[in-house]
């Protein structure tokens, strides 16, 4: 939806889950020693200033990345994905504090020059921020077009790589659009790595998309993981996210659920 701007939610609990999975998945692909093509269908602005008034309005990063960082940065049992994720954000804040990288910038920093990164963004304001944030990365191409359409084009080429699908779901029909787009792409690109994020909201619209992806196990691939992190009781009566979900197809065999529910559950 063209009105959505992620700056109001940047660095929240959903971002922590998405970005840990993104880092882990890119590390998994790089181990295959082949050039990677990666698509981000809803790239946003790439770099977020958490000190700006938009981010401060809801302050979701306080119970998201900041809480995660404070609890995990000195932990002894960090895996490679956590170490890399924390280092990326720390390095970004060496010269100026209060910055948080979006998925586009995280991906660009982890890919090699021989890899390709395609970023889609339709919001006029957001795409200008994105162009500025990703300007140093010459292997990156920014598209002002539907990420679902570009996914179909990339899937037909069947490269080594994958896609992050991270819409706002402000329009209810987008749940079905995500399911249909991935189903079509998976038929063309059965080895592609798919990361699909969805919100856990009291309305329960995510249940249909989960059922739909569960049914794909019998049609295309058995390698589908569904990870839901519940951060507060679903029936608490509070508005907004009560949790965050990820669907991972052909990705690494891991889980961040225990970690996130331990560190980020709302008190």
Protein backbone atom coordinates (compact mmCIF):
# COMPACT_ATOMS: atom_id res chain seq x y z
CA UNK A 1 0.00 0.00 0.00
CA UNK A 2 1.49 3.34 -1.05
CA UNK A 3 0.66 5.11 2.24
CA UNK A 4 2.79 2.76 4.35
CA UNK A 5 6.11 4.02 5.69
CA UNK A 6 8.15 1.61 7.76
CA UNK A 7 9.97 4.37 9.63
CA UNK A 8 7.13 4.35 12.18
CA UNK A 9 7.93 0.71 13.02
CA UNK A 10 11.65 0.44 12.23
CA UNK A 11 13.67 -1.73 14.57
CA UNK A 12 10.63 -3.38 16.15
CA UNK A 13 10.36 -7.01 17.20
CA UNK A 14 9.23 -8.04 13.72
CA UNK A 15 12.36 -6.46 12.24
CA UNK A 16 14.55 -8.41 14.65
CA UNK A 17 12.97 -11.69 13.57
CA UNK A 18 13.08 -10.80 9.84
CA UNK A 19 16.64 -9.60 9.93
CA UNK A 20 18.00 -12.54 11.88
CA UNK A 21 16.41 -14.85 9.31
CA UNK A 22 17.72 -12.69 6.48
CA UNK A 23 21.31 -12.79 7.75
CA UNK A 24 21.13 -16.53 8.43
CA UNK A 25 19.67 -17.20 4.97
CA UNK A 26 22.27 -15.13 3.13
CA UNK A 27 25.05 -16.88 5.04
CA UNK A 28 23.46 -20.20 4.06
CA UNK A 29 23.39 -19.23 0.38
CA UNK A 30 26.97 -17.93 0.38
CA UNK A 31 28.22 -21.32 1.59
CA UNK A 32 27.09 -22.76 -1.75
CA UNK A 33 29.90 -20.81 -3.48
CA UNK A 34 27.72 -19.60 -6.35
CA UNK A 35 26.73 -16.06 -7.37
CA UNK A 36 23.54 -15.03 -5.60
CA UNK A 37 20.58 -13.10 -6.97
CA UNK A 38 18.42 -11.66 -4.18
CA UNK A 39 15.12 -9.80 -4.41
CA UNK A 40 13.52 -7.58 -1.77
CA UNK A 41 9.92 -7.03 -2.87
CA UNK A 42 9.10 -4.25 -0.37
CA UNK A 43 12.46 -2.60 0.24
CA UNK A 44 11.40 0.56 2.10
CA UNK A 45 14.02 3.27 2.56
CA UNK A 46 16.99 1.03 3.37
CA UNK A 47 18.27 3.08 6.31
CA UNK A 48 16.25 4.39 9.27
CA UNK A 49 17.01 7.20 11.68
CA UNK A 50 15.45 6.12 14.95
CA UNK A 51 15.88 9.58 16.43
CA UNK A 52 13.46 11.17 13.94
CA UNK A 53 9.96 12.16 15.00
CA UNK A 54 8.29 9.38 12.99
CA UNK A 55 10.27 6.61 14.72
CA UNK A 56 9.86 8.32 18.10
CA UNK A 57 6.07 8.52 17.74
CA UNK A 58 5.59 4.81 18.53
CA UNK A 59 9.11 3.99 19.71
CA UNK A 60 8.72 0.34 18.73
CA UNK A 61 12.49 -0.09 18.47
CA UNK A 62 12.70 0.26 22.25
CA UNK A 63 10.95 -3.08 22.80
CA UNK A 64 12.50 -4.47 19.61
CA UNK A 65 16.11 -4.11 18.55
CA UNK A 66 17.25 -2.04 21.51
CA UNK A 67 15.98 -4.61 24.00
CA UNK A 68 17.41 -7.46 21.93
CA UNK A 69 20.81 -5.72 21.66
CA UNK A 70 20.99 -4.89 25.35
CA UNK A 71 20.27 -8.49 26.32
CA UNK A 72 22.36 -10.24 23.66
CA UNK A 73 25.40 -8.15 22.76
CA UNK A 74 27.55 -9.67 25.51
CA UNK A 75 26.06 -13.18 25.47
CA UNK A 76 28.56 -16.02 25.13
CA UNK A 77 26.36 -18.34 23.05
CA UNK A 78 25.80 -16.10 20.02
CA UNK A 79 25.61 -17.93 16.69
CA UNK A 80 27.05 -16.54 13.44
CA UNK A 81 23.78 -14.88 12.40
CA UNK A 82 23.44 -13.01 15.70
CA UNK A 83 27.10 -11.95 15.70
CA UNK A 84 26.84 -10.64 12.15
CA UNK A 85 23.51 -8.87 12.75
CA UNK A 86 24.73 -7.10 15.89
CA UNK A 87 28.01 -6.13 14.23
CA UNK A 88 26.27 -4.68 11.16
CA UNK A 89 24.16 -2.38 13.31
CA UNK A 90 27.07 -1.49 15.61
CA UNK A 91 29.33 -0.60 12.66
CA UNK A 92 26.58 1.56 11.17
CA UNK A 93 26.39 3.54 14.41
CA UNK A 94 30.10 4.20 14.87
CA UNK A 95 29.98 7.66 13.33
CA UNK A 96 26.39 8.53 14.18
CA UNK A 97 24.11 6.90 16.73
CA UNK A 98 20.45 6.07 16.30
CA UNK A 99 20.62 4.40 12.88
CA UNK A 100 19.04 1.09 11.97
CA UNK A 101 19.53 -0.76 8.65
CA UNK A 102 16.58 -2.02 6.69
CA UNK A 103 16.64 -5.38 4.93
CA UNK A 104 17.93 -3.79 1.71
CA UNK A 105 21.04 -2.37 3.35
CA UNK A 106 21.69 -5.52 5.39
CA UNK A 107 21.56 -7.59 2.21
CA UNK A 108 23.79 -5.21 0.27
CA UNK A 109 26.43 -5.37 2.99
CA UNK A 110 26.46 -9.17 3.03
CA UNK A 111 26.51 -9.81 -0.72
CA UNK A 112 29.68 -9.90 -2.83
CA UNK A 113 30.35 -7.76 -5.90
CA UNK A 114 29.60 -10.75 -8.12
CA UNK A 115 26.11 -11.09 -6.60
CA UNK A 116 23.01 -9.18 -7.72
CA UNK A 117 20.50 -7.36 -5.53
CA UNK A 118 17.11 -6.22 -6.86
CA UNK A 119 15.03 -3.86 -4.72
CA UNK A 120 11.41 -2.93 -5.36
CA UNK A 121 9.66 0.05 -3.82
CA UNK A 122 6.56 1.92 -5.06
CA UNK A 123 6.33 4.75 -2.51
CA UNK A 124 7.76 7.91 -4.11
CA UNK A 125 9.25 9.26 -0.89
CA UNK A 126 10.66 5.96 0.28
CA UNK A 127 12.36 5.15 -3.02
CA UNK A 128 14.32 8.41 -2.90
CA UNK A 129 15.65 7.49 0.55
CA UNK A 130 16.44 4.02 -0.79
CA UNK A 131 18.44 5.34 -3.73
CA UNK A 132 20.54 7.46 -1.39
CA UNK A 133 21.15 4.67 1.14
CA UNK A 134 22.12 2.08 -1.50
CA UNK A 135 24.10 4.38 -3.81
CA UNK A 136 27.50 2.88 -2.85
CA UNK A 137 26.46 -0.63 -3.90
CA UNK A 138 26.99 -0.97 -7.64
CA UNK A 139 25.57 -4.50 -7.86
CA UNK A 140 22.18 -3.19 -6.73
CA UNK A 141 19.30 -2.22 -8.99
CA UNK A 142 16.29 -0.33 -7.66
CA UNK A 143 12.92 -0.82 -9.36
CA UNK A 144 9.84 1.34 -8.97
CA UNK A 145 7.52 -1.55 -9.76
CA UNK A 146 5.60 -4.33 -8.08
CA UNK A 147 7.90 -6.76 -6.33
CA UNK A 148 5.49 -9.56 -7.18
CA UNK A 149 5.92 -8.90 -10.90
CA UNK A 150 9.70 -8.86 -10.65
CA UNK A 151 9.61 -12.08 -8.63
CA UNK A 152 7.98 -13.81 -11.58
CA UNK A 153 10.71 -12.54 -13.91
CA UNK A 154 13.54 -13.66 -11.62
CA UNK A 155 11.92 -17.04 -10.98
CA UNK A 156 11.87 -17.74 -14.72
CA UNK A 157 15.65 -17.30 -14.81
CA UNK A 158 16.03 -19.87 -11.99
CA UNK A 159 19.17 -18.34 -10.44
CA UNK A 160 20.85 -19.27 -7.19
CA UNK A 161 19.37 -16.98 -4.59
CA UNK A 162 16.13 -15.99 -3.00
CA UNK A 163 13.62 -13.36 -1.99
CA UNK A 164 12.33 -11.52 1.05
CA UNK A 165 8.61 -10.71 0.88
CA UNK A 166 7.67 -8.23 3.56
CA UNK A 167 4.47 -6.31 2.75
CA UNK A 168 2.49 -4.15 5.15
CA UNK A 169 -0.72 -6.24 4.77
CA UNK A 170 -2.73 -3.05 5.22
CA UNK A 171 -4.97 -4.39 2.46
CA UNK A 172 -6.46 -7.75 3.48
CA UNK A 173 -6.22 -9.14 -0.05
CA UNK A 174 -2.42 -9.00 0.16
CA UNK A 175 -2.36 -12.23 2.15
CA UNK A 176 -3.81 -14.06 -0.84
CA UNK A 177 -1.55 -12.13 -3.21
CA UNK A 178 1.54 -13.26 -1.31
CA UNK A 179 0.42 -16.89 -1.32
CA UNK A 180 -0.42 -16.88 -5.02
CA UNK A 181 2.79 -15.09 -6.03
CA UNK A 182 4.99 -17.51 -4.10
CA UNK A 183 3.07 -20.52 -5.38
CA UNK A 184 3.61 -19.37 -8.97
CA UNK A 185 7.26 -18.52 -8.39
CA UNK A 186 7.99 -21.78 -6.59
CA UNK A 187 6.70 -23.76 -9.56
CA UNK A 188 9.33 -22.02 -11.71
CA UNK A 189 12.03 -21.75 -9.07
CA UNK A 190 11.83 -24.84 -6.82
CA UNK A 191 15.35 -24.24 -5.44
CA UNK A 192 14.76 -20.59 -4.56
CA UNK A 193 15.01 -19.50 -0.93
CA UNK A 194 11.82 -17.69 0.10
CA UNK A 195 11.42 -15.61 3.28
CA UNK A 196 7.87 -14.43 3.90
CA UNK A 197 6.98 -12.27 6.90
CA UNK A 198 3.46 -11.84 8.27
CA UNK A 199 1.98 -10.16 11.35
CA UNK A 200 0.10 -11.90 14.14
CA UNK A 201 -2.93 -9.67 14.68
CA UNK A 202 -6.14 -10.22 16.66
CA UNK A 203 -8.17 -10.37 13.43
CA UNK A 204 -6.40 -13.62 12.56
CA UNK A 205 -6.11 -13.01 8.81
CA UNK A 206 -2.70 -14.70 8.83
CA UNK A 207 -4.28 -18.10 9.50
CA UNK A 208 -5.33 -18.51 5.87
CA UNK A 209 -1.85 -17.78 4.55
CA UNK A 210 -0.33 -20.26 7.00
CA UNK A 211 -2.77 -22.98 5.89
CA UNK A 212 -2.00 -22.18 2.28
CA UNK A 213 1.74 -22.57 2.73
CA UNK A 214 1.29 -25.74 4.73
CA UNK A 215 -0.54 -27.22 1.75
CA UNK A 216 2.42 -26.43 -0.52
CA UNK A 217 4.43 -29.10 1.28
CA UNK A 218 2.60 -31.77 -0.68
CA UNK A 219 2.80 -29.88 -3.98
CA UNK A 220 6.29 -28.40 -4.33
CA UNK A 221 8.68 -28.92 -1.45
CA UNK A 222 8.89 -30.43 2.00
CA UNK A 223 11.36 -27.76 3.10
CA UNK A 224 8.89 -25.25 4.52
CA UNK A 225 9.29 -23.92 8.05
CA UNK A 226 6.74 -21.78 9.83
CA UNK A 227 7.97 -19.82 12.84
CA UNK A 228 5.64 -17.73 14.96
CA UNK A 229 6.90 -15.74 17.93
CA UNK A 230 4.17 -14.74 20.35
CA UNK A 231 5.15 -11.66 22.32
CA UNK A 232 1.97 -11.17 24.35
CA UNK A 233 -1.28 -13.12 24.82
CA UNK A 234 -3.40 -13.14 21.67
CA UNK A 235 -6.59 -12.35 23.56
CA UNK A 236 -5.23 -9.57 25.75
CA UNK A 237 -7.56 -6.99 24.19
CA UNK A 238 -4.67 -4.76 23.12
CA UNK A 239 -4.48 -3.47 19.58
CA UNK A 240 -1.62 -4.13 17.20
CA UNK A 241 0.82 -7.00 16.87
CA UNK A 242 0.75 -9.71 19.47
CA UNK A 243 3.47 -11.57 17.60
CA UNK A 244 5.46 -11.94 14.42
CA UNK A 245 5.62 -14.78 11.91
CA UNK A 246 7.99 -16.05 9.24
CA UNK A 247 7.59 -18.67 6.53
CA UNK A 248 10.91 -20.02 5.31
CA UNK A 249 11.17 -22.13 2.17
CA UNK A 250 14.43 -23.90 1.27
CA UNK A 251 16.25 -22.04 4.04
CA UNK A 252 18.65 -23.00 6.81
CA UNK A 253 17.43 -25.41 9.46
CA UNK A 254 17.32 -23.19 12.50
CA UNK A 255 14.85 -21.32 14.70
CA UNK A 256 14.92 -17.96 16.43
CA UNK A 257 11.64 -18.43 18.25
CA UNK A 258 13.03 -19.46 21.68
CA UNK A 259 15.52 -16.60 21.58
CA UNK A 260 12.98 -13.96 20.61
CA UNK A 261 10.25 -15.06 22.95
CA UNK A 262 12.77 -15.01 25.80
CA UNK A 263 14.27 -11.62 25.00
CA UNK A 264 11.37 -9.68 23.49
CA UNK A 265 8.15 -10.90 25.12
CA UNK A 266 6.18 -7.88 26.35
CA UNK A 267 5.96 -7.53 30.12
